PDB file of all heavy atoms in Angstrom:
ATOM      1  N   SER A   1      -5.088   4.428   9.641  1.00  0.00           N
ATOM      2  CA  SER A   1      -5.336   5.565  10.486  1.00  0.00           C
ATOM      3  C   SER A   1      -4.495   6.749  10.013  1.00  0.00           C
ATOM      4  O   SER A   1      -3.495   6.561   9.306  1.00  0.00           O
ATOM      5  CB  SER A   1      -4.976   5.232  11.954  1.00  0.00           C
ATOM      6  OG  SER A   1      -3.582   5.081  12.102  1.00  0.00           O
ATOM      7  N   VAL A   2      -4.914   7.932  10.430  1.00  0.00           N
ATOM      8  CA  VAL A   2      -4.189   9.139  10.065  1.00  0.00           C
ATOM      9  C   VAL A   2      -2.752   9.080  10.625  1.00  0.00           C
ATOM     10  O   VAL A   2      -1.804   9.567  10.010  1.00  0.00           O
ATOM     11  CB  VAL A   2      -4.932  10.387  10.560  1.00  0.00           C
ATOM     12  CG1 VAL A   2      -4.171  11.664  10.282  1.00  0.00           C
ATOM     13  CG2 VAL A   2      -6.311  10.445   9.913  1.00  0.00           C
ATOM     14  N   ASP A   3      -2.575   8.472  11.795  1.00  0.00           N
ATOM     15  CA  ASP A   3      -1.254   8.342  12.397  1.00  0.00           C
ATOM     16  C   ASP A   3      -0.324   7.535  11.515  1.00  0.00           C
ATOM     17  O   ASP A   3       0.866   7.808  11.443  1.00  0.00           O
ATOM     18  CB  ASP A   3      -1.335   7.685  13.788  1.00  0.00           C
ATOM     19  CG  ASP A   3      -1.982   8.609  14.819  1.00  0.00           C
ATOM     20  OD1 ASP A   3      -1.993   9.842  14.598  1.00  0.00           O
ATOM     21  OD2 ASP A   3      -2.480   8.088  15.823  1.00  0.00           O
ATOM     22  N   HIS A   4      -0.835   6.487  10.890  1.00  0.00           N
ATOM     23  CA  HIS A   4      -0.005   5.628  10.032  1.00  0.00           C
ATOM     24  C   HIS A   4       0.121   6.135   8.603  1.00  0.00           C
ATOM     25  O   HIS A   4       1.152   5.926   7.968  1.00  0.00           O
ATOM     26  CB  HIS A   4      -0.569   4.210  10.012  1.00  0.00           C
ATOM     27  CG  HIS A   4      -0.515   3.526  11.340  1.00  0.00           C
ATOM     28  ND1 HIS A   4      -1.527   2.702  11.768  1.00  0.00           N
ATOM     29  CD2 HIS A   4       0.399   3.545  12.326  1.00  0.00           C
ATOM     30  CE1 HIS A   4      -1.227   2.239  12.964  1.00  0.00           C
ATOM     31  NE2 HIS A   4      -0.074   2.743  13.332  1.00  0.00           N
ATOM     32  N   PHE A   5      -0.931   6.748   8.089  1.00  0.00           N
ATOM     33  CA  PHE A   5      -0.979   7.212   6.719  1.00  0.00           C
ATOM     34  C   PHE A   5      -1.511   8.649   6.716  1.00  0.00           C
ATOM     35  O   PHE A   5      -2.721   8.851   6.714  1.00  0.00           O
ATOM     36  CB  PHE A   5      -1.882   6.292   5.859  1.00  0.00           C
ATOM     37  CG  PHE A   5      -1.469   4.851   5.878  1.00  0.00           C
ATOM     38  CD1 PHE A   5      -2.084   3.935   6.733  1.00  0.00           C
ATOM     39  CD2 PHE A   5      -0.427   4.402   5.082  1.00  0.00           C
ATOM     40  CE1 PHE A   5      -1.677   2.613   6.772  1.00  0.00           C
ATOM     41  CE2 PHE A   5      -0.017   3.082   5.101  1.00  0.00           C
ATOM     42  CZ  PHE A   5      -0.640   2.185   5.943  1.00  0.00           C
ATOM     43  N   ASN A   6      -0.616   9.610   6.724  1.00  0.00           N
ATOM     44  CA  ASN A   6      -1.045  11.011   6.903  1.00  0.00           C
ATOM     45  C   ASN A   6      -1.854  11.565   5.737  1.00  0.00           C
ATOM     46  O   ASN A   6      -2.445  12.629   5.846  1.00  0.00           O
ATOM     47  CB  ASN A   6       0.144  11.918   7.232  1.00  0.00           C
ATOM     48  CG  ASN A   6       1.179  11.918   6.142  1.00  0.00           C
ATOM     49  OD1 ASN A   6       0.979  11.371   5.074  1.00  0.00           O
ATOM     50  ND2 ASN A   6       2.312  12.504   6.435  1.00  0.00           N
ATOM     51  N   GLU A   7      -1.936  10.837   4.596  1.00  0.00           N
ATOM     52  CA  GLU A   7      -2.775  11.331   3.496  1.00  0.00           C
ATOM     53  C   GLU A   7      -4.258  11.013   3.744  1.00  0.00           C
ATOM     54  O   GLU A   7      -5.122  11.541   3.034  1.00  0.00           O
ATOM     55  CB  GLU A   7      -2.336  10.712   2.147  1.00  0.00           C
ATOM     56  CG  GLU A   7      -2.431   9.218   2.063  1.00  0.00           C
ATOM     57  CD  GLU A   7      -1.200   8.469   2.593  1.00  0.00           C
ATOM     58  OE1 GLU A   7      -0.330   9.099   3.226  1.00  0.00           O
ATOM     59  OE2 GLU A   7      -1.141   7.260   2.388  1.00  0.00           O
ATOM     60  N   LEU A   8      -4.586  10.210   4.742  1.00  0.00           N
ATOM     61  CA  LEU A   8      -5.980   9.937   5.089  1.00  0.00           C
ATOM     62  C   LEU A   8      -6.571  11.102   5.850  1.00  0.00           C
ATOM     63  O   LEU A   8      -5.881  11.785   6.604  1.00  0.00           O
ATOM     64  CB  LEU A   8      -6.083   8.667   5.934  1.00  0.00           C
ATOM     65  CG  LEU A   8      -5.651   7.355   5.289  1.00  0.00           C
ATOM     66  CD1 LEU A   8      -5.740   6.208   6.299  1.00  0.00           C
ATOM     67  CD2 LEU A   8      -6.517   7.068   4.067  1.00  0.00           C
ATOM     68  N   SER A   9      -7.879  11.321   5.678  1.00  0.00           N
ATOM     69  CA  SER A   9      -8.538  12.411   6.407  1.00  0.00           C
ATOM     70  C   SER A   9      -9.257  11.917   7.645  1.00  0.00           C
ATOM     71  O   SER A   9      -9.737  12.720   8.448  1.00  0.00           O
ATOM     72  CB  SER A   9      -9.496  13.163   5.475  1.00  0.00           C
ATOM     73  OG  SER A   9     -10.430  12.261   4.916  1.00  0.00           O
ATOM     74  N   PHE A  10      -9.382  10.583   7.801  1.00  0.00           N
ATOM     75  CA  PHE A  10     -10.034  10.032   8.991  1.00  0.00           C
ATOM     76  C   PHE A  10      -9.527   8.611   9.221  1.00  0.00           C
ATOM     77  O   PHE A  10      -9.013   7.953   8.303  1.00  0.00           O
ATOM     78  CB  PHE A  10     -11.564  10.020   8.853  1.00  0.00           C
ATOM     79  CG  PHE A  10     -12.068   9.255   7.705  1.00  0.00           C
ATOM     80  CD1 PHE A  10     -12.387   7.901   7.832  1.00  0.00           C
ATOM     81  CD2 PHE A  10     -12.217   9.828   6.453  1.00  0.00           C
ATOM     82  CE1 PHE A  10     -12.868   7.148   6.772  1.00  0.00           C
ATOM     83  CE2 PHE A  10     -12.684   9.089   5.363  1.00  0.00           C
ATOM     84  CZ  PHE A  10     -13.001   7.755   5.523  1.00  0.00           C
ATOM     85  N   ASP A  11      -9.645   8.138  10.454  1.00  0.00           N
ATOM     86  CA  ASP A  11      -9.247   6.759  10.784  1.00  0.00           C
ATOM     87  C   ASP A  11     -10.314   5.771  10.290  1.00  0.00           C
ATOM     88  O   ASP A  11     -11.521   6.080  10.334  1.00  0.00           O
ATOM     89  CB  ASP A  11      -9.089   6.602  12.294  1.00  0.00           C
ATOM     90  CG  ASP A  11      -7.911   7.370  12.850  1.00  0.00           C
ATOM     91  OD1 ASP A  11      -7.070   7.831  12.058  1.00  0.00           O
ATOM     92  OD2 ASP A  11      -7.836   7.517  14.084  1.00  0.00           O
ATOM     93  N   SER A  12      -9.876   4.616   9.884  1.00  0.00           N
ATOM     94  CA  SER A  12     -10.783   3.572   9.460  1.00  0.00           C
ATOM     95  C   SER A  12     -10.294   2.257  10.047  1.00  0.00           C
ATOM     96  O   SER A  12      -9.498   1.545   9.447  1.00  0.00           O
ATOM     97  CB  SER A  12     -10.853   3.502   7.930  1.00  0.00           C
ATOM     98  OG  SER A  12     -11.821   2.588   7.512  1.00  0.00           O
ATOM     99  N   GLU A  13     -10.765   1.957  11.237  1.00  0.00           N
ATOM    100  CA  GLU A  13     -10.270   0.794  12.012  1.00  0.00           C
ATOM    101  C   GLU A  13     -10.534  -0.550  11.357  1.00  0.00           C
ATOM    102  O   GLU A  13      -9.888  -1.521  11.679  1.00  0.00           O
ATOM    103  CB  GLU A  13     -10.871   0.819  13.419  1.00  0.00           C
ATOM    104  CG  GLU A  13     -10.619   2.085  14.178  1.00  0.00           C
ATOM    105  CD  GLU A  13      -9.632   1.917  15.289  1.00  0.00           C
ATOM    106  OE1 GLU A  13      -9.445   0.785  15.721  1.00  0.00           O
ATOM    107  OE2 GLU A  13      -9.061   2.936  15.715  1.00  0.00           O
ATOM    108  N   ASP A  14     -11.458  -0.609  10.405  1.00  0.00           N
ATOM    109  CA  ASP A  14     -11.762  -1.881   9.740  1.00  0.00           C
ATOM    110  C   ASP A  14     -11.028  -2.027   8.409  1.00  0.00           C
ATOM    111  O   ASP A  14     -11.268  -2.966   7.651  1.00  0.00           O
ATOM    112  CB  ASP A  14     -13.265  -2.053   9.543  1.00  0.00           C
ATOM    113  CG  ASP A  14     -13.883  -0.928   8.718  1.00  0.00           C
ATOM    114  OD1 ASP A  14     -13.281   0.133   8.632  1.00  0.00           O
ATOM    115  OD2 ASP A  14     -14.981  -1.144   8.171  1.00  0.00           O
ATOM    116  N   ARG A  15     -10.110  -1.109   8.111  1.00  0.00           N
ATOM    117  CA  ARG A  15      -9.307  -1.190   6.885  1.00  0.00           C
ATOM    118  C   ARG A  15      -7.823  -1.183   7.214  1.00  0.00           C
ATOM    119  O   ARG A  15      -7.416  -0.715   8.283  1.00  0.00           O
ATOM    120  CB  ARG A  15      -9.613   0.002   5.971  1.00  0.00           C
ATOM    121  CG  ARG A  15     -11.008  -0.059   5.396  1.00  0.00           C
ATOM    122  CD  ARG A  15     -11.217   1.086   4.422  1.00  0.00           C
ATOM    123  NE  ARG A  15     -12.526   0.999   3.849  1.00  0.00           N
ATOM    124  CZ  ARG A  15     -12.759   0.584   2.615  1.00  0.00           C
ATOM    125  NH1 ARG A  15     -11.767   0.238   1.834  1.00  0.00           N
ATOM    126  NH2 ARG A  15     -13.980   0.509   2.151  1.00  0.00           N
ATOM    127  N   TYR A  16      -7.053  -1.716   6.283  1.00  0.00           N
ATOM    128  CA  TYR A  16      -5.604  -1.771   6.472  1.00  0.00           C
ATOM    129  C   TYR A  16      -4.891  -1.195   5.257  1.00  0.00           C
ATOM    130  O   TYR A  16      -5.448  -1.127   4.154  1.00  0.00           O
ATOM    131  CB  TYR A  16      -5.153  -3.245   6.639  1.00  0.00           C
ATOM    132  CG  TYR A  16      -5.536  -3.789   7.974  1.00  0.00           C
ATOM    133  CD1 TYR A  16      -6.809  -4.289   8.207  1.00  0.00           C
ATOM    134  CD2 TYR A  16      -4.637  -3.816   9.001  1.00  0.00           C
ATOM    135  CE1 TYR A  16      -7.170  -4.787   9.443  1.00  0.00           C
ATOM    136  CE2 TYR A  16      -4.966  -4.319  10.254  1.00  0.00           C
ATOM    137  CZ  TYR A  16      -6.253  -4.793  10.441  1.00  0.00           C
ATOM    138  OH  TYR A  16      -6.596  -5.283  11.687  1.00  0.00           O
ATOM    139  N   GLY A  17      -3.686  -0.768   5.489  1.00  0.00           N
ATOM    140  CA  GLY A  17      -2.814  -0.291   4.415  1.00  0.00           C
ATOM    141  C   GLY A  17      -1.460  -0.941   4.628  1.00  0.00           C
ATOM    142  O   GLY A  17      -1.229  -1.624   5.622  1.00  0.00           O
ATOM    143  N   PHE A  18      -0.565  -0.766   3.664  1.00  0.00           N
ATOM    144  CA  PHE A  18       0.735  -1.401   3.795  1.00  0.00           C
ATOM    145  C   PHE A  18       1.848  -0.448   3.392  1.00  0.00           C
ATOM    146  O   PHE A  18       1.644   0.489   2.644  1.00  0.00           O
ATOM    147  CB  PHE A  18       0.815  -2.677   2.973  1.00  0.00           C
ATOM    148  CG  PHE A  18       0.818  -2.450   1.469  1.00  0.00           C
ATOM    149  CD1 PHE A  18       2.003  -2.300   0.775  1.00  0.00           C
ATOM    150  CD2 PHE A  18      -0.374  -2.388   0.780  1.00  0.00           C
ATOM    151  CE1 PHE A  18       2.003  -2.083  -0.604  1.00  0.00           C
ATOM    152  CE2 PHE A  18      -0.394  -2.169  -0.596  1.00  0.00           C
ATOM    153  CZ  PHE A  18       0.815  -2.025  -1.265  1.00  0.00           C
ATOM    154  N   TYR A  19       3.012  -0.754   3.918  1.00  0.00           N
ATOM    155  CA  TYR A  19       4.248  -0.133   3.456  1.00  0.00           C
ATOM    156  C   TYR A  19       5.028  -1.226   2.757  1.00  0.00           C
ATOM    157  O   TYR A  19       4.989  -2.406   3.194  1.00  0.00           O
ATOM    158  CB  TYR A  19       5.073   0.413   4.624  1.00  0.00           C
ATOM    159  CG  TYR A  19       4.512   1.684   5.207  1.00  0.00           C
ATOM    160  CD1 TYR A  19       3.919   1.690   6.462  1.00  0.00           C
ATOM    161  CD2 TYR A  19       4.604   2.879   4.506  1.00  0.00           C
ATOM    162  CE1 TYR A  19       3.421   2.862   7.008  1.00  0.00           C
ATOM    163  CE2 TYR A  19       4.082   4.044   5.027  1.00  0.00           C
ATOM    164  CZ  TYR A  19       3.505   4.041   6.270  1.00  0.00           C
ATOM    165  OH  TYR A  19       2.982   5.183   6.816  1.00  0.00           O
ATOM    166  N   GLY A  20       5.684  -0.892   1.693  1.00  0.00           N
ATOM    167  CA  GLY A  20       6.462  -1.856   0.951  1.00  0.00           C
ATOM    168  C   GLY A  20       7.100  -1.211  -0.251  1.00  0.00           C
ATOM    169  O   GLY A  20       7.120   0.019  -0.376  1.00  0.00           O
ATOM    170  N   ASP A  21       7.606  -2.046  -1.126  1.00  0.00           N
ATOM    171  CA  ASP A  21       8.313  -1.568  -2.316  1.00  0.00           C
ATOM    172  C   ASP A  21       7.733  -2.261  -3.531  1.00  0.00           C
ATOM    173  O   ASP A  21       7.021  -3.284  -3.416  1.00  0.00           O
ATOM    174  CB  ASP A  21       9.796  -1.874  -2.207  1.00  0.00           C
ATOM    175  CG  ASP A  21      10.460  -1.135  -1.056  1.00  0.00           C
ATOM    176  OD1 ASP A  21      10.354   0.102  -1.028  1.00  0.00           O
ATOM    177  OD2 ASP A  21      11.055  -1.794  -0.201  1.00  0.00           O
ATOM    178  N   ALA A  22       8.080  -1.755  -4.701  1.00  0.00           N
ATOM    179  CA  ALA A  22       7.728  -2.449  -5.932  1.00  0.00           C
ATOM    180  C   ALA A  22       8.387  -3.821  -5.901  1.00  0.00           C
ATOM    181  O   ALA A  22       9.494  -3.980  -5.379  1.00  0.00           O
ATOM    182  CB  ALA A  22       8.176  -1.661  -7.141  1.00  0.00           C
ATOM    183  N   ALA A  23       7.706  -4.814  -6.423  1.00  0.00           N
ATOM    184  CA  ALA A  23       8.247  -6.179  -6.484  1.00  0.00           C
ATOM    185  C   ALA A  23       9.454  -6.235  -7.418  1.00  0.00           C
ATOM    186  O   ALA A  23       9.674  -5.320  -8.213  1.00  0.00           O
ATOM    187  CB  ALA A  23       7.158  -7.147  -6.959  1.00  0.00           C
ATOM    188  N   ASP A  24      10.209  -7.314  -7.305  1.00  0.00           N
ATOM    189  CA  ASP A  24      11.379  -7.503  -8.182  1.00  0.00           C
ATOM    190  C   ASP A  24      10.933  -7.484  -9.633  1.00  0.00           C
ATOM    191  O   ASP A  24       9.791  -7.842  -9.992  1.00  0.00           O
ATOM    192  CB  ASP A  24      12.057  -8.843  -7.888  1.00  0.00           C
ATOM    193  CG  ASP A  24      12.727  -8.842  -6.530  1.00  0.00           C
ATOM    194  OD1 ASP A  24      13.067  -7.758  -6.006  1.00  0.00           O
ATOM    195  OD2 ASP A  24      12.921  -9.964  -6.010  1.00  0.00           O
ATOM    196  N   VAL A  25      11.832  -7.154 -10.516  1.00  0.00           N
ATOM    197  CA  VAL A  25      11.561  -7.035 -11.948  1.00  0.00           C
ATOM    198  C   VAL A  25      10.949  -8.319 -12.522  1.00  0.00           C
ATOM    199  O   VAL A  25      10.009  -8.267 -13.282  1.00  0.00           O
ATOM    200  CB  VAL A  25      12.821  -6.647 -12.716  1.00  0.00           C
ATOM    201  CG1 VAL A  25      12.616  -6.694 -14.218  1.00  0.00           C
ATOM    202  CG2 VAL A  25      13.299  -5.259 -12.308  1.00  0.00           C
ATOM    203  N   GLN A  26      11.458  -9.466 -12.095  1.00  0.00           N
ATOM    204  CA  GLN A  26      10.960 -10.733 -12.633  1.00  0.00           C
ATOM    205  C   GLN A  26       9.487 -10.926 -12.303  1.00  0.00           C
ATOM    206  O   GLN A  26       8.714 -11.411 -13.147  1.00  0.00           O
ATOM    207  CB  GLN A  26      11.751 -11.930 -12.067  1.00  0.00           C
ATOM    208  CG  GLN A  26      13.211 -11.924 -12.401  1.00  0.00           C
ATOM    209  CD  GLN A  26      14.052 -11.212 -11.329  1.00  0.00           C
ATOM    210  OE1 GLN A  26      13.578 -10.293 -10.661  1.00  0.00           O
ATOM    211  NE2 GLN A  26      15.309 -11.605 -11.204  1.00  0.00           N
ATOM    212  N   ILE A  27       9.074 -10.544 -11.110  1.00  0.00           N
ATOM    213  CA  ILE A  27       7.653 -10.663 -10.708  1.00  0.00           C
ATOM    214  C   ILE A  27       6.817  -9.632 -11.455  1.00  0.00           C
ATOM    215  O   ILE A  27       5.731  -9.957 -11.960  1.00  0.00           O
ATOM    216  CB  ILE A  27       7.500 -10.458  -9.178  1.00  0.00           C
ATOM    217  CG1 ILE A  27       8.273 -11.525  -8.429  1.00  0.00           C
ATOM    218  CG2 ILE A  27       6.032 -10.423  -8.771  1.00  0.00           C
ATOM    219  CD1 ILE A  27       7.782 -12.938  -8.624  1.00  0.00           C
ATOM    220  N   ARG A  28       7.319  -8.406 -11.553  1.00  0.00           N
ATOM    221  CA  ARG A  28       6.583  -7.366 -12.232  1.00  0.00           C
ATOM    222  C   ARG A  28       6.328  -7.739 -13.697  1.00  0.00           C
ATOM    223  O   ARG A  28       5.260  -7.500 -14.239  1.00  0.00           O
ATOM    224  CB  ARG A  28       7.333  -6.032 -12.149  1.00  0.00           C
ATOM    225  CG  ARG A  28       7.361  -5.488 -10.710  1.00  0.00           C
ATOM    226  CD  ARG A  28       8.097  -4.152 -10.598  1.00  0.00           C
ATOM    227  NE  ARG A  28       7.288  -3.121 -11.198  1.00  0.00           N
ATOM    228  CZ  ARG A  28       7.626  -2.488 -12.333  1.00  0.00           C
ATOM    229  NH1 ARG A  28       8.763  -2.751 -12.942  1.00  0.00           N
ATOM    230  NH2 ARG A  28       6.820  -1.538 -12.812  1.00  0.00           N
ATOM    231  N   GLU A  29       7.326  -8.333 -14.348  1.00  0.00           N
ATOM    232  CA  GLU A  29       7.175  -8.722 -15.759  1.00  0.00           C
ATOM    233  C   GLU A  29       6.061  -9.753 -15.956  1.00  0.00           C
ATOM    234  O   GLU A  29       5.451  -9.835 -17.010  1.00  0.00           O
ATOM    235  CB  GLU A  29       8.500  -9.265 -16.316  1.00  0.00           C
ATOM    236  CG  GLU A  29       9.491  -8.155 -16.551  1.00  0.00           C
ATOM    237  CD  GLU A  29      10.872  -8.661 -16.990  1.00  0.00           C
ATOM    238  OE1 GLU A  29      11.116  -9.891 -16.902  1.00  0.00           O
ATOM    239  OE2 GLU A  29      11.682  -7.834 -17.408  1.00  0.00           O
ATOM    240  N   LEU A  30       5.800 -10.567 -14.943  1.00  0.00           N
ATOM    241  CA  LEU A  30       4.735 -11.571 -15.016  1.00  0.00           C
ATOM    242  C   LEU A  30       3.351 -10.939 -14.997  1.00  0.00           C
ATOM    243  O   LEU A  30       2.406 -11.523 -15.539  1.00  0.00           O
ATOM    244  CB  LEU A  30       4.853 -12.553 -13.848  1.00  0.00           C
ATOM    245  CG  LEU A  30       6.025 -13.509 -13.832  1.00  0.00           C
ATOM    246  CD1 LEU A  30       6.032 -14.284 -12.515  1.00  0.00           C
ATOM    247  CD2 LEU A  30       5.938 -14.459 -15.016  1.00  0.00           C
ATOM    248  N   TYR A  31       3.205  -9.785 -14.358  1.00  0.00           N
ATOM    249  CA  TYR A  31       1.870  -9.225 -14.078  1.00  0.00           C
ATOM    250  C   TYR A  31       1.570  -7.892 -14.705  1.00  0.00           C
ATOM    251  O   TYR A  31       0.437  -7.675 -15.153  1.00  0.00           O
ATOM    252  CB  TYR A  31       1.675  -9.120 -12.562  1.00  0.00           C
ATOM    253  CG  TYR A  31       1.671 -10.452 -11.870  1.00  0.00           C
ATOM    254  CD1 TYR A  31       2.772 -10.875 -11.152  1.00  0.00           C
ATOM    255  CD2 TYR A  31       0.572 -11.284 -11.936  1.00  0.00           C
ATOM    256  CE1 TYR A  31       2.788 -12.125 -10.511  1.00  0.00           C
ATOM    257  CE2 TYR A  31       0.542 -12.546 -11.294  1.00  0.00           C
ATOM    258  CZ  TYR A  31       1.664 -12.935 -10.602  1.00  0.00           C
ATOM    259  OH  TYR A  31       1.668 -14.152  -9.976  1.00  0.00           O
ATOM    260  N   VAL A  32       2.509  -6.936 -14.699  1.00  0.00           N
ATOM    261  CA  VAL A  32       2.209  -5.572 -15.131  1.00  0.00           C
ATOM    262  C   VAL A  32       1.767  -5.553 -16.594  1.00  0.00           C
ATOM    263  O   VAL A  32       2.334  -6.243 -17.437  1.00  0.00           O
ATOM    264  CB  VAL A  32       3.442  -4.639 -14.913  1.00  0.00           C
ATOM    265  CG1 VAL A  32       3.196  -3.268 -15.496  1.00  0.00           C
ATOM    266  CG2 VAL A  32       3.738  -4.535 -13.411  1.00  0.00           C
ATOM    267  N   ASN A  33       0.724  -4.787 -16.834  1.00  0.00           N
ATOM    268  CA  ASN A  33       0.064  -4.625 -18.137  1.00  0.00           C
ATOM    269  C   ASN A  33      -0.693  -5.859 -18.601  1.00  0.00           C
ATOM    270  O   ASN A  33      -1.024  -5.990 -19.763  1.00  0.00           O
ATOM    271  CB  ASN A  33       1.072  -4.185 -19.231  1.00  0.00           C
ATOM    272  CG  ASN A  33       1.625  -2.838 -18.977  1.00  0.00           C
ATOM    273  OD1 ASN A  33       0.917  -1.934 -18.529  1.00  0.00           O
ATOM    274  ND2 ASN A  33       2.902  -2.637 -19.207  1.00  0.00           N
TER     275      ASN A  33
END
């Protein structure tokens, strides 16, 4: 929703977004690229 993610232009009740951080380096090395 716009309330949760101000970069959205409209609410989408059937979709979700998340807040978080980049994973630890060890995990990133397993997957990135």
